[in-house]
N, C-alpha and C. Protein backbone atom coordinates (compact mmCIF):
# COMPACT_ATOMS: atom_id res chain seq x y z
N UNK A 1 -46.83 -25.56 147.19
CA UNK A 1 -46.25 -26.37 146.13
C UNK A 1 -46.44 -25.61 144.82
N UNK A 2 -45.41 -25.68 143.98
CA UNK A 2 -45.54 -25.05 142.67
C UNK A 2 -44.95 -25.96 141.60
N UNK A 3 -45.53 -25.87 140.43
CA UNK A 3 -45.05 -26.61 139.27
C UNK A 3 -44.45 -25.61 138.29
N UNK A 4 -43.27 -25.93 137.79
CA UNK A 4 -42.59 -25.05 136.84
C UNK A 4 -42.18 -25.86 135.63
N UNK A 5 -42.58 -25.40 134.45
CA UNK A 5 -42.21 -26.03 133.19
C UNK A 5 -41.07 -25.23 132.59
N UNK A 6 -39.94 -25.88 132.37
CA UNK A 6 -38.79 -25.24 131.76
C UNK A 6 -38.71 -25.75 130.32
N UNK A 7 -38.83 -24.83 129.38
CA UNK A 7 -38.75 -25.20 127.96
C UNK A 7 -38.40 -23.99 127.12
N UNK A 8 -37.93 -24.29 125.93
CA UNK A 8 -37.62 -23.22 124.98
C UNK A 8 -38.81 -23.03 124.06
N UNK A 9 -39.26 -21.78 123.96
CA UNK A 9 -40.41 -21.50 123.11
C UNK A 9 -40.13 -21.81 121.65
N UNK A 10 -38.90 -21.66 121.22
CA UNK A 10 -38.53 -21.95 119.84
C UNK A 10 -37.95 -23.35 119.73
N UNK A 11 -38.81 -24.34 120.04
CA UNK A 11 -38.38 -25.73 119.97
C UNK A 11 -39.51 -26.58 119.41
N UNK A 12 -39.17 -27.79 119.03
CA UNK A 12 -40.18 -28.72 118.52
C UNK A 12 -41.19 -29.10 119.59
N UNK A 13 -40.79 -29.04 120.84
CA UNK A 13 -41.66 -29.44 121.95
C UNK A 13 -42.67 -28.37 122.34
N UNK A 14 -42.53 -27.17 121.80
CA UNK A 14 -43.37 -26.04 122.23
C UNK A 14 -44.86 -26.36 122.20
N UNK A 15 -45.34 -26.88 121.09
CA UNK A 15 -46.78 -27.13 120.95
C UNK A 15 -47.28 -28.14 121.99
N UNK A 16 -46.56 -29.23 122.18
CA UNK A 16 -47.00 -30.23 123.14
C UNK A 16 -46.93 -29.70 124.57
N UNK A 17 -45.93 -28.90 124.87
CA UNK A 17 -45.81 -28.30 126.21
C UNK A 17 -46.97 -27.34 126.47
N UNK A 18 -47.23 -26.47 125.54
CA UNK A 18 -48.31 -25.49 125.74
C UNK A 18 -49.68 -26.16 125.80
N UNK A 19 -49.87 -27.22 125.04
CA UNK A 19 -51.11 -27.99 125.12
C UNK A 19 -51.24 -28.65 126.49
N UNK A 20 -50.15 -29.22 126.98
CA UNK A 20 -50.15 -29.85 128.30
C UNK A 20 -50.53 -28.84 129.38
N UNK A 21 -49.93 -27.66 129.34
CA UNK A 21 -50.20 -26.63 130.35
C UNK A 21 -51.67 -26.21 130.30
N UNK A 22 -52.19 -26.02 129.10
CA UNK A 22 -53.60 -25.64 128.94
C UNK A 22 -54.53 -26.74 129.44
N UNK A 23 -54.25 -27.99 129.06
CA UNK A 23 -55.07 -29.12 129.50
C UNK A 23 -55.00 -29.31 131.02
N UNK A 24 -53.81 -29.12 131.59
CA UNK A 24 -53.64 -29.25 133.04
C UNK A 24 -54.53 -28.25 133.76
N UNK A 25 -54.53 -27.01 133.31
CA UNK A 25 -55.36 -25.99 133.95
C UNK A 25 -56.84 -26.32 133.80
N UNK A 26 -57.23 -26.75 132.60
CA UNK A 26 -58.64 -27.07 132.34
C UNK A 26 -59.11 -28.25 133.20
N UNK A 27 -58.29 -29.29 133.32
CA UNK A 27 -58.70 -30.50 134.03
C UNK A 27 -58.53 -30.44 135.53
N UNK A 28 -57.56 -29.65 136.01
CA UNK A 28 -57.29 -29.64 137.45
C UNK A 28 -57.54 -28.29 138.12
N UNK A 29 -57.59 -27.23 137.33
CA UNK A 29 -57.70 -25.89 137.89
C UNK A 29 -56.37 -25.36 138.39
N UNK A 30 -55.32 -26.17 138.26
CA UNK A 30 -53.99 -25.78 138.74
C UNK A 30 -53.22 -24.99 137.70
N UNK A 31 -52.22 -24.29 138.18
CA UNK A 31 -51.37 -23.47 137.32
C UNK A 31 -49.99 -24.10 137.21
N UNK A 32 -49.39 -23.96 136.05
CA UNK A 32 -47.99 -24.34 135.85
C UNK A 32 -47.26 -23.10 135.39
N UNK A 33 -46.25 -22.71 136.16
CA UNK A 33 -45.41 -21.58 135.77
C UNK A 33 -44.52 -22.03 134.61
N UNK A 34 -44.08 -21.09 133.80
CA UNK A 34 -43.15 -21.41 132.73
C UNK A 34 -41.84 -20.66 132.95
N UNK A 35 -40.77 -21.26 132.46
CA UNK A 35 -39.44 -20.67 132.61
C UNK A 35 -38.67 -20.94 131.32
N UNK A 36 -38.08 -19.88 130.77
CA UNK A 36 -37.25 -19.99 129.58
C UNK A 36 -35.79 -20.12 130.04
N UNK A 37 -35.13 -21.22 129.71
CA UNK A 37 -33.75 -21.41 130.18
C UNK A 37 -32.75 -20.44 129.57
N UNK A 38 -33.16 -19.70 128.56
CA UNK A 38 -32.25 -18.77 127.90
C UNK A 38 -32.29 -17.36 128.47
N UNK A 39 -33.06 -17.15 129.53
CA UNK A 39 -33.10 -15.85 130.20
C UNK A 39 -32.19 -15.90 131.43
N UNK A 40 -31.89 -14.75 131.98
CA UNK A 40 -31.04 -14.71 133.18
C UNK A 40 -31.72 -15.46 134.33
N UNK A 41 -33.01 -15.20 134.54
CA UNK A 41 -33.74 -15.90 135.61
C UNK A 41 -33.77 -17.40 135.34
N UNK A 42 -33.95 -17.76 134.07
CA UNK A 42 -33.98 -19.17 133.69
C UNK A 42 -32.65 -19.85 133.94
N UNK A 43 -31.56 -19.17 133.63
CA UNK A 43 -30.22 -19.72 133.88
C UNK A 43 -30.01 -20.00 135.37
N UNK A 44 -30.40 -19.05 136.21
CA UNK A 44 -30.27 -19.25 137.65
C UNK A 44 -31.11 -20.45 138.10
N UNK A 45 -32.33 -20.54 137.57
CA UNK A 45 -33.24 -21.63 137.94
C UNK A 45 -32.68 -22.98 137.55
N UNK A 46 -32.22 -23.12 136.30
CA UNK A 46 -31.73 -24.44 135.86
C UNK A 46 -30.44 -24.83 136.58
N UNK A 47 -29.64 -23.86 136.95
CA UNK A 47 -28.43 -24.17 137.72
C UNK A 47 -28.79 -24.62 139.14
N UNK A 48 -29.76 -23.97 139.72
CA UNK A 48 -30.19 -24.32 141.07
C UNK A 48 -30.74 -25.74 141.14
N UNK A 49 -31.52 -26.13 140.13
CA UNK A 49 -32.19 -27.43 140.16
C UNK A 49 -31.55 -28.48 139.24
N UNK A 50 -30.41 -28.18 138.65
CA UNK A 50 -29.70 -29.17 137.84
C UNK A 50 -30.45 -29.63 136.61
N UNK A 51 -31.12 -28.71 135.95
CA UNK A 51 -31.91 -29.05 134.77
C UNK A 51 -31.03 -28.93 133.53
N UNK A 52 -30.97 -30.02 132.76
CA UNK A 52 -30.15 -30.04 131.55
C UNK A 52 -30.91 -30.51 130.31
N UNK A 53 -32.15 -30.95 130.49
CA UNK A 53 -32.98 -31.40 129.37
C UNK A 53 -34.26 -30.59 129.32
N UNK A 54 -34.77 -30.43 128.12
CA UNK A 54 -36.01 -29.67 127.94
C UNK A 54 -36.95 -30.46 127.05
N UNK A 55 -38.22 -30.45 127.35
CA UNK A 55 -38.83 -29.77 128.49
C UNK A 55 -38.58 -30.53 129.79
N UNK A 56 -38.61 -29.81 130.90
CA UNK A 56 -38.56 -30.39 132.23
C UNK A 56 -39.68 -29.77 133.05
N UNK A 57 -40.45 -30.63 133.70
CA UNK A 57 -41.46 -30.16 134.64
C UNK A 57 -40.95 -30.51 136.03
N UNK A 58 -40.91 -29.52 136.89
CA UNK A 58 -40.39 -29.73 138.25
C UNK A 58 -41.42 -29.27 139.27
N UNK A 59 -41.61 -30.09 140.28
CA UNK A 59 -42.50 -29.75 141.40
C UNK A 59 -41.61 -29.27 142.54
N UNK A 60 -41.91 -28.09 143.05
CA UNK A 60 -41.10 -27.48 144.10
C UNK A 60 -41.97 -27.29 145.34
N UNK A 61 -41.48 -27.81 146.44
CA UNK A 61 -42.20 -27.74 147.70
C UNK A 61 -41.75 -26.58 148.55
N UNK A 62 -42.16 -26.59 149.80
CA UNK A 62 -41.82 -25.52 150.73
C UNK A 62 -40.30 -25.35 150.83
N UNK A 63 -39.88 -24.10 150.89
CA UNK A 63 -38.46 -23.81 151.04
C UNK A 63 -37.64 -24.08 149.79
N UNK A 64 -38.33 -24.32 148.65
CA UNK A 64 -37.61 -24.56 147.40
C UNK A 64 -37.14 -25.98 147.21
N UNK A 65 -37.63 -26.91 148.01
CA UNK A 65 -37.23 -28.30 147.91
C UNK A 65 -37.82 -28.95 146.66
N UNK A 66 -36.97 -29.64 145.91
CA UNK A 66 -37.45 -30.36 144.73
C UNK A 66 -38.22 -31.60 145.19
N UNK A 67 -39.47 -31.72 144.74
CA UNK A 67 -40.32 -32.85 145.13
C UNK A 67 -40.38 -33.92 144.04
N UNK A 68 -40.37 -33.47 142.79
CA UNK A 68 -40.42 -34.40 141.65
C UNK A 68 -39.90 -33.67 140.42
N UNK A 69 -39.41 -34.46 139.45
CA UNK A 69 -38.89 -33.85 138.22
C UNK A 69 -39.10 -34.85 137.08
N UNK A 70 -39.66 -34.32 135.98
CA UNK A 70 -39.82 -35.11 134.76
C UNK A 70 -38.98 -34.45 133.68
N UNK A 71 -37.99 -35.17 133.14
CA UNK A 71 -37.04 -34.61 132.19
C UNK A 71 -37.25 -35.15 130.79
N UNK A 72 -37.25 -34.25 129.82
CA UNK A 72 -37.27 -34.66 128.43
C UNK A 72 -38.59 -35.20 127.92
N UNK A 73 -39.51 -35.45 128.82
CA UNK A 73 -40.84 -35.93 128.44
C UNK A 73 -41.84 -35.39 129.45
N UNK A 74 -43.07 -35.34 129.04
CA UNK A 74 -44.12 -34.82 129.92
C UNK A 74 -44.77 -35.95 130.70
N UNK A 75 -45.10 -35.70 131.97
CA UNK A 75 -45.81 -36.71 132.74
C UNK A 75 -47.28 -36.74 132.32
N UNK A 76 -48.02 -37.65 132.88
CA UNK A 76 -49.47 -37.58 132.69
C UNK A 76 -49.99 -36.44 133.55
N UNK A 77 -51.16 -35.96 133.21
CA UNK A 77 -51.76 -34.89 134.02
C UNK A 77 -52.04 -35.39 135.43
N UNK A 78 -52.44 -36.64 135.56
CA UNK A 78 -52.72 -37.15 136.90
C UNK A 78 -51.44 -37.25 137.74
N UNK A 79 -50.31 -37.59 137.14
CA UNK A 79 -49.03 -37.61 137.88
C UNK A 79 -48.68 -36.21 138.38
N UNK A 80 -48.77 -35.23 137.49
CA UNK A 80 -48.41 -33.86 137.83
C UNK A 80 -49.39 -33.26 138.83
N UNK A 81 -50.65 -33.63 138.75
CA UNK A 81 -51.67 -33.01 139.61
C UNK A 81 -51.46 -33.35 141.08
N UNK A 82 -50.72 -34.39 141.37
CA UNK A 82 -50.42 -34.72 142.76
C UNK A 82 -49.58 -33.63 143.43
N UNK A 83 -48.98 -32.77 142.63
CA UNK A 83 -48.09 -31.73 143.14
C UNK A 83 -48.62 -30.32 142.97
N UNK A 84 -49.91 -30.18 142.60
CA UNK A 84 -50.43 -28.82 142.37
C UNK A 84 -50.76 -28.11 143.64
């Protein structure tokens, strides 16, 4: 299982997203990957998973299956930790 945060670094949400990622690691020991939607890899990723709002946190299971998605707002750390 992997968690991927899709957000733009040059956005108002940057500080809250980066704080969330840091707190998640500190409290759970889990990692959250980051993805910039403005890169080529990011474009492919958002098209694959139908992401149109930022920030979006997506939990991806075996074989690339989407398990959960939080759009436009951050979940609680306990909600996200179920997918680490």
